[in-house]
């Protein structure tokens, strides 16, 4: 009797094992196909975000705004005198731009960057360059393109 039960158990176990293998294979196929479909949809969406243009077309258009960056740089051995030179340059530039109807509210001042050669890690004492250097920028953003162009 035990022998027939063992044989029946083995047959049921083999059926369950083959079913389990089939289920795992089906799950793997579904997972693989869903990854492939997902990647295809993502690539399709990326392609929809771009525009393809073939050929050449040129057209001259009139600008409706202008941006002009004016760099200012001064050097010297006394920090206060270098700062004063920058301030004088800024006032001169403001006066020049007023001649071309560029308003003060259209001019932005960028931060001043101060460089001290003695504070540098590898300073060469034999270098005769000025100790302090200040870099500054004025940024003109205007809708009066002609005035900026003339200036």
C-alpha atoms as a PDB file:
ATOM      1  CA  UNK A   1       0.000   0.000   0.000  1.00  0.00           C
ATOM      2  CA  UNK A   2       2.723   2.403   0.869  1.00  0.00           C
ATOM      3  CA  UNK A   3       4.193   1.835  -2.465  1.00  0.00           C
ATOM      4  CA  UNK A   4       1.123   3.054  -4.378  1.00  0.00           C
ATOM      5  CA  UNK A   5       0.799   6.138  -2.150  1.00  0.00           C
ATOM      6  CA  UNK A   6       4.462   6.913  -2.727  1.00  0.00           C
ATOM      7  CA  UNK A   7       3.918   6.570  -6.428  1.00  0.00           C
ATOM      8  CA  UNK A   8       0.775   8.769  -6.305  1.00  0.00           C
ATOM      9  CA  UNK A   9       2.616  11.377  -4.195  1.00  0.00           C
ATOM     10  CA  UNK A  10       5.499  11.404  -6.650  1.00  0.00           C
ATOM     11  CA  UNK A  11       3.147  11.812  -9.597  1.00  0.00           C
ATOM     12  CA  UNK A  12       1.301  14.698  -7.869  1.00  0.00           C
ATOM     13  CA  UNK A  13       4.607  16.260  -6.939  1.00  0.00           C
ATOM     14  CA  UNK A  14       5.801  16.067 -10.537  1.00  0.00           C
ATOM     15  CA  UNK A  15       2.553  17.659 -11.743  1.00  0.00           C
ATOM     16  CA  UNK A  16       2.920  20.465  -9.194  1.00  0.00           C
ATOM     17  CA  UNK A  17       6.567  20.971 -10.154  1.00  0.00           C
ATOM     18  CA  UNK A  18       5.757  21.265 -13.841  1.00  0.00           C
ATOM     19  CA  UNK A  19       2.886  23.664 -13.083  1.00  0.00           C
ATOM     20  CA  UNK A  20       5.169  25.772 -10.925  1.00  0.00           C
ATOM     21  CA  UNK A  21       7.759  25.895 -13.709  1.00  0.00           C
ATOM     22  CA  UNK A  22       5.088  26.934 -16.190  1.00  0.00           C
ATOM     23  CA  UNK A  23       3.857  29.679 -13.866  1.00  0.00           C
ATOM     24  CA  UNK A  24       7.394  30.996 -13.346  1.00  0.00           C
ATOM     25  CA  UNK A  25       8.089  30.977 -17.093  1.00  0.00           C
ATOM     26  CA  UNK A  26       4.805  32.801 -17.792  1.00  0.00           C
ATOM     27  CA  UNK A  27       5.578  35.394 -15.109  1.00  0.00           C
ATOM     28  CA  UNK A  28       9.072  35.934 -16.573  1.00  0.00           C
ATOM     29  CA  UNK A  29       7.617  36.404 -20.060  1.00  0.00           C
ATOM     30  CA  UNK A  30       5.025  38.905 -18.792  1.00  0.00           C
ATOM     31  CA  UNK A  31       7.689  40.831 -16.878  1.00  0.00           C
ATOM     32  CA  UNK A  32      10.040  40.928 -19.878  1.00  0.00           C
ATOM     33  CA  UNK A  33       7.316  42.038 -22.289  1.00  0.00           C
ATOM     34  CA  UNK A  34       6.125  44.767 -19.881  1.00  0.00           C
ATOM     35  CA  UNK A  35       9.700  46.128 -19.617  1.00  0.00           C
ATOM     36  CA  UNK A  36      10.007  46.172 -23.415  1.00  0.00           C
ATOM     37  CA  UNK A  37       6.641  47.941 -23.817  1.00  0.00           C
ATOM     38  CA  UNK A  38       7.542  50.473 -21.085  1.00  0.00           C
ATOM     39  CA  UNK A  39      10.857  51.326 -22.759  1.00  0.00           C
ATOM     40  CA  UNK A  40       9.093  51.728 -26.084  1.00  0.00           C
ATOM     41  CA  UNK A  41       6.570  54.143 -24.567  1.00  0.00           C
ATOM     42  CA  UNK A  42       9.323  56.180 -22.900  1.00  0.00           C
ATOM     43  CA  UNK A  43      11.270  56.438 -26.170  1.00  0.00           C
ATOM     44  CA  UNK A  44       8.082  57.442 -27.994  1.00  0.00           C
ATOM     45  CA  UNK A  45       7.441  60.202 -25.456  1.00  0.00           C
ATOM     46  CA  UNK A  46      11.007  61.471 -25.830  1.00  0.00           C
ATOM     47  CA  UNK A  47      10.608  61.604 -29.588  1.00  0.00           C
ATOM     48  CA  UNK A  48       7.388  63.604 -29.239  1.00  0.00           C
ATOM     49  CA  UNK A  49       9.240  66.279 -27.235  1.00  0.00           C
ATOM     50  CA  UNK A  50      11.625  67.070 -30.069  1.00  0.00           C
ATOM     51  CA  UNK A  51      11.151  68.638 -33.447  1.00  0.00           C
ATOM     52  CA  UNK A  52      12.868  67.427 -36.582  1.00  0.00           C
ATOM     53  CA  UNK A  53      13.565  69.981 -39.260  1.00  0.00           C
ATOM     54  CA  UNK A  54      15.060  69.205 -42.625  1.00  0.00           C
ATOM     55  CA  UNK A  55      16.290  71.877 -44.957  1.00  0.00           C
ATOM     56  CA  UNK A  56      17.435  75.420 -44.364  1.00  0.00           C
ATOM     57  CA  UNK A  57      15.375  78.510 -43.700  1.00  0.00           C
ATOM     58  CA  UNK A  58      16.621  81.873 -42.543  1.00  0.00           C
ATOM     59  CA  UNK A  59      14.708  84.916 -41.539  1.00  0.00           C
ATOM     60  CA  UNK A  60      15.900  88.168 -40.046  1.00  0.00           C
ATOM     61  CA  UNK A  61      13.813  89.085 -37.036  1.00  0.00           C
ATOM     62  CA  UNK A  62      13.822  92.204 -34.918  1.00  0.00           C
ATOM     63  CA  UNK A  63      14.888  91.699 -31.306  1.00  0.00           C
ATOM     64  CA  UNK A  64      12.461  92.810 -28.618  1.00  0.00           C
ATOM     65  CA  UNK A  65      14.979  92.868 -25.766  1.00  0.00           C
ATOM     66  CA  UNK A  66      18.704  93.374 -25.353  1.00  0.00           C
ATOM     67  CA  UNK A  67      21.198  92.141 -22.771  1.00  0.00           C
ATOM     68  CA  UNK A  68      24.622  93.764 -22.591  1.00  0.00           C
ATOM     69  CA  UNK A  69      27.276  92.758 -20.064  1.00  0.00           C
ATOM     70  CA  UNK A  70      29.986  95.344 -19.370  1.00  0.00           C
ATOM     71  CA  UNK A  71      32.984  93.962 -17.450  1.00  0.00           C
ATOM     72  CA  UNK A  72      35.024  96.324 -15.258  1.00  0.00           C
ATOM     73  CA  UNK A  73      38.395  95.414 -13.780  1.00  0.00           C
ATOM     74  CA  UNK A  74      40.886  97.422 -11.714  1.00  0.00           C
ATOM     75  CA  UNK A  75      44.110  96.539  -9.903  1.00  0.00           C
ATOM     76  CA  UNK A  76      46.267  98.242  -7.280  1.00  0.00           C
ATOM     77  CA  UNK A  77      48.152  97.831  -4.022  1.00  0.00           C
ATOM     78  CA  UNK A  78      45.584  99.629  -1.836  1.00  0.00           C
ATOM     79  CA  UNK A  79      42.138  98.033  -1.607  1.00  0.00           C
ATOM     80  CA  UNK A  80      40.278 101.302  -0.937  1.00  0.00           C
ATOM     81  CA  UNK A  81      41.832 103.054  -3.936  1.00  0.00           C
ATOM     82  CA  UNK A  82      40.982 100.098  -6.194  1.00  0.00           C
ATOM     83  CA  UNK A  83      37.388 100.162  -4.920  1.00  0.00           C
ATOM     84  CA  UNK A  84      37.253 103.921  -5.560  1.00  0.00           C
ATOM     85  CA  UNK A  85      38.496 103.361  -9.138  1.00  0.00           C
ATOM     86  CA  UNK A  86      35.687 100.837  -9.693  1.00  0.00           C
ATOM     87  CA  UNK A  87      33.117 103.308  -8.315  1.00  0.00           C
ATOM     88  CA  UNK A  88      34.420 106.052 -10.636  1.00  0.00           C
ATOM     89  CA  UNK A  89      34.230 103.666 -13.624  1.00  0.00           C
ATOM     90  CA  UNK A  90      30.653 102.709 -12.714  1.00  0.00           C
ATOM     91  CA  UNK A  91      29.584 106.382 -12.491  1.00  0.00           C
ATOM     92  CA  UNK A  92      31.215 107.102 -15.873  1.00  0.00           C
ATOM     93  CA  UNK A  93      29.405 104.159 -17.470  1.00  0.00           C
ATOM     94  CA  UNK A  94      26.059 105.231 -15.967  1.00  0.00           C
ATOM     95  CA  UNK A  95      26.577 108.760 -17.342  1.00  0.00           C
ATOM     96  CA  UNK A  96      27.513 107.366 -20.762  1.00  0.00           C
ATOM     97  CA  UNK A  97      24.441 105.119 -20.880  1.00  0.00           C
ATOM     98  CA  UNK A  98      22.133 108.010 -19.901  1.00  0.00           C
ATOM     99  CA  UNK A  99      23.155 109.742 -23.147  1.00  0.00           C
ATOM    100  CA  UNK A 100      21.495 106.842 -25.002  1.00  0.00           C
ATOM    101  CA  UNK A 101      18.269 106.901 -22.948  1.00  0.00           C
ATOM    102  CA  UNK A 102      19.087 103.805 -20.935  1.00  0.00           C
ATOM    103  CA  UNK A 103      17.405 104.149 -17.550  1.00  0.00           C
ATOM    104  CA  UNK A 104      19.038 103.326 -14.206  1.00  0.00           C
ATOM    105  CA  UNK A 105      16.441 100.606 -13.503  1.00  0.00           C
ATOM    106  CA  UNK A 106      17.611  98.772 -16.655  1.00  0.00           C
ATOM    107  CA  UNK A 107      21.165  98.487 -15.279  1.00  0.00           C
ATOM    108  CA  UNK A 108      22.027  95.791 -12.746  1.00  0.00           C
ATOM    109  CA  UNK A 109      25.280  95.637 -10.846  1.00  0.00           C
ATOM    110  CA  UNK A 110      26.767  92.201 -10.373  1.00  0.00           C
ATOM    111  CA  UNK A 111      28.737  91.383  -7.239  1.00  0.00           C
ATOM    112  CA  UNK A 112      32.310  92.589  -6.969  1.00  0.00           C
ATOM    113  CA  UNK A 113      34.933  89.900  -6.879  1.00  0.00           C
ATOM    114  CA  UNK A 114      38.008  90.922  -4.899  1.00  0.00           C
ATOM    115  CA  UNK A 115      41.263  88.999  -5.321  1.00  0.00           C
ATOM    116  CA  UNK A 116      44.181  89.412  -2.914  1.00  0.00           C
ATOM    117  CA  UNK A 117      47.414  87.949  -4.265  1.00  0.00           C
ATOM    118  CA  UNK A 118      48.865  87.592  -0.735  1.00  0.00           C
ATOM    119  CA  UNK A 119      45.930  85.376   0.237  1.00  0.00           C
ATOM    120  CA  UNK A 120      46.711  82.908  -2.528  1.00  0.00           C
ATOM    121  CA  UNK A 121      48.309  79.685  -1.464  1.00  0.00           C
ATOM    122  CA  UNK A 122      51.208  79.799  -3.902  1.00  0.00           C
ATOM    123  CA  UNK A 123      52.031  83.499  -3.844  1.00  0.00           C
ATOM    124  CA  UNK A 124      55.362  84.447  -5.404  1.00  0.00           C
ATOM    125  CA  UNK A 125      56.946  87.321  -3.440  1.00  0.00           C
ATOM    126  CA  UNK A 126      59.144  88.221  -6.392  1.00  0.00           C
ATOM    127  CA  UNK A 127      56.119  88.820  -8.621  1.00  0.00           C
ATOM    128  CA  UNK A 128      55.717  92.576  -9.124  1.00  0.00           C
ATOM    129  CA  UNK A 129      51.994  92.395  -9.957  1.00  0.00           C
ATOM    130  CA  UNK A 130      49.556  94.569  -8.036  1.00  0.00           C
ATOM    131  CA  UNK A 131      48.281  93.032  -4.827  1.00  0.00           C
ATOM    132  CA  UNK A 132      44.525  93.621  -5.226  1.00  0.00           C
ATOM    133  CA  UNK A 133      42.331  92.988  -8.239  1.00  0.00           C
ATOM    134  CA  UNK A 134      38.603  93.731  -8.388  1.00  0.00           C
ATOM    135  CA  UNK A 135      36.298  92.418 -11.116  1.00  0.00           C
ATOM    136  CA  UNK A 136      32.821  93.859 -11.488  1.00  0.00           C
ATOM    137  CA  UNK A 137      30.060  93.699 -14.099  1.00  0.00           C
ATOM    138  CA  UNK A 138      27.195  95.899 -15.155  1.00  0.00           C
ATOM    139  CA  UNK A 139      24.336  94.075 -16.859  1.00  0.00           C
ATOM    140  CA  UNK A 140      21.999  96.099 -19.053  1.00  0.00           C
ATOM    141  CA  UNK A 141      18.615  94.484 -19.707  1.00  0.00           C
ATOM    142  CA  UNK A 142      16.425  96.689 -21.841  1.00  0.00           C
ATOM    143  CA  UNK A 143      13.515  96.519 -24.226  1.00  0.00           C
ATOM    144  CA  UNK A 144      14.953  99.589 -25.994  1.00  0.00           C
ATOM    145  CA  UNK A 145      17.144  97.575 -28.363  1.00  0.00           C
ATOM    146  CA  UNK A 146      18.106 100.562 -30.512  1.00  0.00           C
ATOM    147  CA  UNK A 147      19.462 102.506 -27.529  1.00  0.00           C
ATOM    148  CA  UNK A 148      21.554  99.544 -26.395  1.00  0.00           C
ATOM    149  CA  UNK A 149      22.796  98.996 -29.942  1.00  0.00           C
ATOM    150  CA  UNK A 150      23.820 102.660 -30.289  1.00  0.00           C
ATOM    151  CA  UNK A 151      25.552 102.641 -26.887  1.00  0.00           C
END
